[in-house]
Amino acid sequence: MLSVLCRKKEGFAFYYELSDGQGVYGGGLKDGELVCDAACPQKELMLRTLVNKCRNDFVKSVATRDIWGVDLTRFGFVGQGGLYTAGYETMRLPHDCGEK
């Protein structure tokens, strides 16, 4: 069973732990950048959790690197010299429900 829980961790504006029954993996917002443990097997779920938190907390802008294994432009990020950035107005949670 998967769970994603918010925890406090020094140096992070917010931090989540994802547990999959095999291990616990962290991710959050640190110094304006969304980060995630490299070994996390559910990186898209962690990214969705973090983007949702940013939107709910009206985070003005964030950056991240191409570490998630997904197309970051679908989440509203734009590539800029090795970093991807997104503002509150452009950040989104894409879905694949088949809407036309």
N, C-alpha and C. Protein backbone atom coordinates (compact mmCIF):
# COMPACT_ATOMS: atom_id res chain seq x y z
N MET A 1 0.84 -1.18 0.00
CA MET A 1 0.00 0.00 0.00
C MET A 1 0.89 1.25 0.00
N LEU A 2 0.50 2.23 -0.78
CA LEU A 2 1.23 3.49 -0.86
C LEU A 2 0.65 4.49 0.12
N SER A 3 1.54 5.27 0.71
CA SER A 3 1.11 6.40 1.52
C SER A 3 2.09 7.54 1.33
N VAL A 4 1.58 8.75 1.37
CA VAL A 4 2.41 9.94 1.26
C VAL A 4 1.99 10.86 2.41
N LEU A 5 2.92 11.11 3.32
CA LEU A 5 2.61 11.88 4.52
C LEU A 5 3.53 13.09 4.64
N CYS A 6 2.94 14.20 5.06
CA CYS A 6 3.71 15.42 5.29
C CYS A 6 4.46 15.30 6.61
N ARG A 7 5.72 15.64 6.58
CA ARG A 7 6.58 15.61 7.77
C ARG A 7 7.36 16.91 7.85
N LYS A 8 7.90 17.19 9.01
CA LYS A 8 8.81 18.33 9.15
C LYS A 8 10.24 17.84 8.95
N LYS A 9 11.00 18.62 8.20
CA LYS A 9 12.42 18.31 8.02
C LYS A 9 13.17 19.62 7.86
N GLU A 10 14.21 19.76 8.62
CA GLU A 10 15.01 20.98 8.60
C GLU A 10 15.50 21.28 7.20
N GLY A 11 15.39 22.55 6.82
CA GLY A 11 15.86 23.01 5.52
C GLY A 11 14.80 22.95 4.42
N PHE A 12 13.66 22.37 4.71
CA PHE A 12 12.59 22.24 3.72
C PHE A 12 11.41 23.13 4.09
N ALA A 13 10.87 23.81 3.08
CA ALA A 13 9.63 24.56 3.29
C ALA A 13 8.49 23.58 3.57
N PHE A 14 8.49 22.47 2.86
CA PHE A 14 7.61 21.34 3.16
C PHE A 14 8.29 20.07 2.67
N TYR A 15 7.96 18.97 3.31
CA TYR A 15 8.63 17.69 3.06
C TYR A 15 7.61 16.56 3.19
N TYR A 16 7.66 15.62 2.28
CA TYR A 16 6.76 14.47 2.30
C TYR A 16 7.57 13.18 2.30
N GLU A 17 7.02 12.17 2.94
CA GLU A 17 7.60 10.83 2.90
C GLU A 17 6.62 9.90 2.21
N LEU A 18 7.11 9.22 1.20
CA LEU A 18 6.31 8.24 0.47
C LEU A 18 6.76 6.86 0.93
N SER A 19 5.81 6.06 1.35
CA SER A 19 6.09 4.70 1.78
C SER A 19 5.36 3.74 0.85
N ASP A 20 6.07 2.71 0.38
CA ASP A 20 5.45 1.73 -0.51
C ASP A 20 5.47 0.31 0.08
N GLY A 21 5.76 0.20 1.36
CA GLY A 21 5.84 -1.11 2.00
C GLY A 21 7.24 -1.71 1.91
N GLN A 22 8.04 -1.25 0.99
CA GLN A 22 9.42 -1.71 0.82
C GLN A 22 10.42 -0.71 1.40
N GLY A 23 10.06 0.56 1.35
CA GLY A 23 10.96 1.61 1.82
C GLY A 23 10.22 2.92 1.99
N VAL A 24 10.95 3.90 2.51
CA VAL A 24 10.41 5.25 2.70
C VAL A 24 11.32 6.21 1.94
N TYR A 25 10.71 7.08 1.15
CA TYR A 25 11.45 7.98 0.26
C TYR A 25 10.94 9.39 0.48
N GLY A 26 11.84 10.35 0.48
CA GLY A 26 11.47 11.72 0.77
C GLY A 26 11.51 12.62 -0.44
N GLY A 27 10.78 13.73 -0.31
CA GLY A 27 10.79 14.75 -1.33
C GLY A 27 10.14 16.00 -0.78
N GLY A 28 10.50 17.14 -1.36
CA GLY A 28 9.91 18.37 -0.88
C GLY A 28 10.44 19.59 -1.59
N LEU A 29 10.18 20.74 -0.97
CA LEU A 29 10.63 22.03 -1.50
C LEU A 29 11.77 22.52 -0.62
N LYS A 30 12.95 22.61 -1.23
CA LYS A 30 14.15 23.05 -0.51
C LYS A 30 14.82 24.15 -1.32
N ASP A 31 14.96 25.31 -0.71
CA ASP A 31 15.59 26.45 -1.38
C ASP A 31 14.96 26.76 -2.74
N GLY A 32 13.63 26.66 -2.80
CA GLY A 32 12.90 26.98 -4.02
C GLY A 32 12.91 25.90 -5.08
N GLU A 33 13.46 24.73 -4.77
CA GLU A 33 13.56 23.65 -5.75
C GLU A 33 12.83 22.40 -5.24
N LEU A 34 12.04 21.79 -6.11
CA LEU A 34 11.40 20.52 -5.79
C LEU A 34 12.43 19.41 -5.96
N VAL A 35 12.60 18.60 -4.91
CA VAL A 35 13.60 17.54 -4.92
C VAL A 35 12.94 16.23 -4.47
N CYS A 36 13.63 15.12 -4.80
CA CYS A 36 13.11 13.80 -4.45
C CYS A 36 14.28 12.84 -4.33
N ASP A 37 14.17 11.88 -3.42
CA ASP A 37 15.19 10.83 -3.31
C ASP A 37 15.34 10.12 -4.64
N ALA A 38 16.57 9.90 -5.06
CA ALA A 38 16.84 9.25 -6.34
C ALA A 38 16.25 7.85 -6.41
N ALA A 39 16.18 7.14 -5.30
CA ALA A 39 15.70 5.76 -5.29
C ALA A 39 14.18 5.64 -5.24
N CYS A 40 13.46 6.75 -5.17
CA CYS A 40 11.99 6.72 -5.06
C CYS A 40 11.39 6.02 -6.29
N PRO A 41 10.63 4.94 -6.08
CA PRO A 41 10.05 4.21 -7.21
C PRO A 41 8.76 4.84 -7.74
N GLN A 42 8.21 5.82 -7.04
CA GLN A 42 6.96 6.47 -7.43
C GLN A 42 7.18 7.97 -7.59
N LYS A 43 8.12 8.34 -8.45
CA LYS A 43 8.48 9.75 -8.58
C LYS A 43 7.34 10.61 -9.11
N GLU A 44 6.54 10.08 -10.03
CA GLU A 44 5.44 10.90 -10.54
C GLU A 44 4.43 11.18 -9.42
N LEU A 45 4.15 10.20 -8.59
CA LEU A 45 3.25 10.43 -7.46
C LEU A 45 3.82 11.48 -6.52
N MET A 46 5.12 11.42 -6.25
CA MET A 46 5.74 12.43 -5.39
C MET A 46 5.65 13.81 -6.05
N LEU A 47 5.94 13.89 -7.36
CA LEU A 47 5.85 15.17 -8.06
C LEU A 47 4.44 15.72 -8.00
N ARG A 48 3.45 14.89 -8.21
CA ARG A 48 2.06 15.34 -8.14
C ARG A 48 1.72 15.85 -6.74
N THR A 49 2.22 15.17 -5.73
CA THR A 49 2.00 15.61 -4.35
C THR A 49 2.61 16.99 -4.12
N LEU A 50 3.84 17.18 -4.59
CA LEU A 50 4.53 18.45 -4.37
C LEU A 50 3.91 19.59 -5.16
N VAL A 51 3.52 19.33 -6.41
CA VAL A 51 2.87 20.36 -7.21
C VAL A 51 1.53 20.73 -6.59
N ASN A 52 0.79 19.75 -6.12
CA ASN A 52 -0.48 20.03 -5.46
C ASN A 52 -0.27 20.91 -4.22
N LYS A 53 0.74 20.60 -3.43
CA LYS A 53 1.05 21.40 -2.23
C LYS A 53 1.41 22.84 -2.63
N CYS A 54 2.23 22.99 -3.67
CA CYS A 54 2.60 24.32 -4.15
C CYS A 54 1.37 25.12 -4.56
N ARG A 55 0.47 24.48 -5.26
CA ARG A 55 -0.75 25.18 -5.71
C ARG A 55 -1.65 25.51 -4.53
N ASN A 56 -1.80 24.59 -3.61
CA ASN A 56 -2.66 24.85 -2.44
C ASN A 56 -2.10 25.94 -1.54
N ASP A 57 -0.77 26.05 -1.47
CA ASP A 57 -0.12 27.05 -0.63
C ASP A 57 0.22 28.33 -1.39
N PHE A 58 -0.22 28.44 -2.63
CA PHE A 58 0.03 29.62 -3.47
C PHE A 58 1.51 29.95 -3.56
N VAL A 59 2.35 28.92 -3.75
CA VAL A 59 3.79 29.14 -3.94
C VAL A 59 3.98 29.86 -5.27
N LYS A 60 4.65 30.99 -5.22
CA LYS A 60 4.77 31.88 -6.38
C LYS A 60 5.50 31.23 -7.55
N SER A 61 6.63 30.58 -7.28
CA SER A 61 7.37 29.90 -8.35
C SER A 61 8.29 28.86 -7.74
N VAL A 62 8.55 27.83 -8.53
CA VAL A 62 9.45 26.76 -8.11
C VAL A 62 10.32 26.34 -9.28
N ALA A 63 11.39 25.65 -8.95
CA ALA A 63 12.28 25.08 -9.96
C ALA A 63 12.45 23.60 -9.64
N THR A 64 12.90 22.86 -10.62
CA THR A 64 13.26 21.46 -10.41
C THR A 64 14.20 21.05 -11.53
N ARG A 65 14.74 19.87 -11.39
CA ARG A 65 15.62 19.30 -12.41
C ARG A 65 14.88 18.13 -13.06
N ASP A 66 15.43 17.64 -14.15
CA ASP A 66 14.80 16.54 -14.88
C ASP A 66 15.14 15.21 -14.19
N ILE A 67 14.56 15.02 -13.01
CA ILE A 67 14.82 13.83 -12.19
C ILE A 67 13.59 12.95 -12.01
N TRP A 68 12.46 13.36 -12.59
CA TRP A 68 11.19 12.74 -12.26
C TRP A 68 10.77 11.62 -13.18
N GLY A 69 11.39 11.50 -14.35
CA GLY A 69 11.02 10.45 -15.29
C GLY A 69 9.72 10.72 -16.02
N VAL A 70 9.29 11.96 -16.03
CA VAL A 70 8.06 12.37 -16.74
C VAL A 70 8.34 13.65 -17.51
N ASP A 71 7.44 13.97 -18.44
CA ASP A 71 7.53 15.20 -19.20
C ASP A 71 7.09 16.36 -18.31
N LEU A 72 8.04 17.16 -17.87
CA LEU A 72 7.74 18.25 -16.95
C LEU A 72 6.90 19.36 -17.58
N THR A 73 6.91 19.46 -18.89
CA THR A 73 6.08 20.50 -19.53
C THR A 73 4.60 20.22 -19.31
N ARG A 74 4.22 18.96 -19.14
CA ARG A 74 2.82 18.62 -18.84
C ARG A 74 2.37 19.21 -17.50
N PHE A 75 3.33 19.45 -16.61
CA PHE A 75 3.04 20.01 -15.29
C PHE A 75 3.19 21.53 -15.28
N GLY A 76 3.48 22.11 -16.45
CA GLY A 76 3.58 23.56 -16.57
C GLY A 76 4.99 24.11 -16.42
N PHE A 77 5.99 23.25 -16.38
CA PHE A 77 7.37 23.69 -16.24
C PHE A 77 7.97 24.03 -17.61
N VAL A 78 8.88 24.98 -17.60
CA VAL A 78 9.61 25.39 -18.80
C VAL A 78 11.09 25.21 -18.53
N GLY A 79 11.79 24.57 -19.46
CA GLY A 79 13.23 24.35 -19.31
C GLY A 79 14.02 25.63 -19.47
N GLN A 80 14.97 25.84 -18.54
CA GLN A 80 15.82 27.02 -18.59
C GLN A 80 17.21 26.65 -18.10
N GLY A 81 18.11 26.29 -19.02
CA GLY A 81 19.50 26.03 -18.66
C GLY A 81 19.73 24.95 -17.62
N GLY A 82 19.13 23.79 -17.79
CA GLY A 82 19.32 22.70 -16.84
C GLY A 82 18.29 22.64 -15.73
N LEU A 83 17.59 23.74 -15.53
CA LEU A 83 16.50 23.78 -14.55
C LEU A 83 15.18 23.93 -15.28
N TYR A 84 14.14 23.46 -14.66
CA TYR A 84 12.79 23.68 -15.13
C TYR A 84 12.10 24.56 -14.10
N THR A 85 11.39 25.56 -14.55
CA THR A 85 10.71 26.46 -13.64
C THR A 85 9.23 26.54 -13.98
N ALA A 86 8.43 26.83 -12.97
CA ALA A 86 6.99 27.02 -13.16
C ALA A 86 6.51 28.04 -12.14
N GLY A 87 5.62 28.88 -12.57
CA GLY A 87 4.98 29.84 -11.68
C GLY A 87 3.63 29.30 -11.23
N TYR A 88 3.07 29.94 -10.23
CA TYR A 88 1.77 29.51 -9.71
C TYR A 88 0.73 29.45 -10.83
N GLU A 89 0.75 30.42 -11.73
CA GLU A 89 -0.25 30.50 -12.79
C GLU A 89 -0.10 29.39 -13.82
N THR A 90 1.10 28.84 -13.97
CA THR A 90 1.32 27.83 -15.01
C THR A 90 1.39 26.40 -14.46
N MET A 91 1.67 26.24 -13.19
CA MET A 91 1.76 24.91 -12.59
C MET A 91 0.41 24.20 -12.68
N ARG A 92 0.46 22.92 -13.08
CA ARG A 92 -0.80 22.18 -13.19
C ARG A 92 -0.59 20.70 -12.91
N LEU A 93 -1.71 20.04 -12.65
CA LEU A 93 -1.71 18.59 -12.45
C LEU A 93 -2.40 17.96 -13.65
N PRO A 94 -1.61 17.46 -14.62
CA PRO A 94 -2.23 16.91 -15.83
C PRO A 94 -2.94 15.59 -15.52
N HIS A 95 -3.91 15.29 -16.36
CA HIS A 95 -4.62 14.02 -16.24
C HIS A 95 -4.75 13.42 -17.63
N ASP A 96 -4.97 12.15 -17.66
CA ASP A 96 -5.07 11.43 -18.92
C ASP A 96 -6.43 10.73 -19.01
N CYS A 97 -7.47 11.46 -18.70
CA CYS A 97 -8.80 10.86 -18.65
C CYS A 97 -9.46 10.74 -20.02
N GLY A 98 -8.81 11.23 -21.05
CA GLY A 98 -9.36 11.10 -22.38
C GLY A 98 -10.27 12.24 -22.82
N GLU A 99 -10.25 13.34 -22.07
CA GLU A 99 -11.04 14.50 -22.48
C GLU A 99 -10.55 15.01 -23.82
N LYS A 100 -11.47 15.45 -24.63
CA LYS A 100 -11.14 15.99 -25.95
C LYS A 100 -11.09 17.49 -25.91
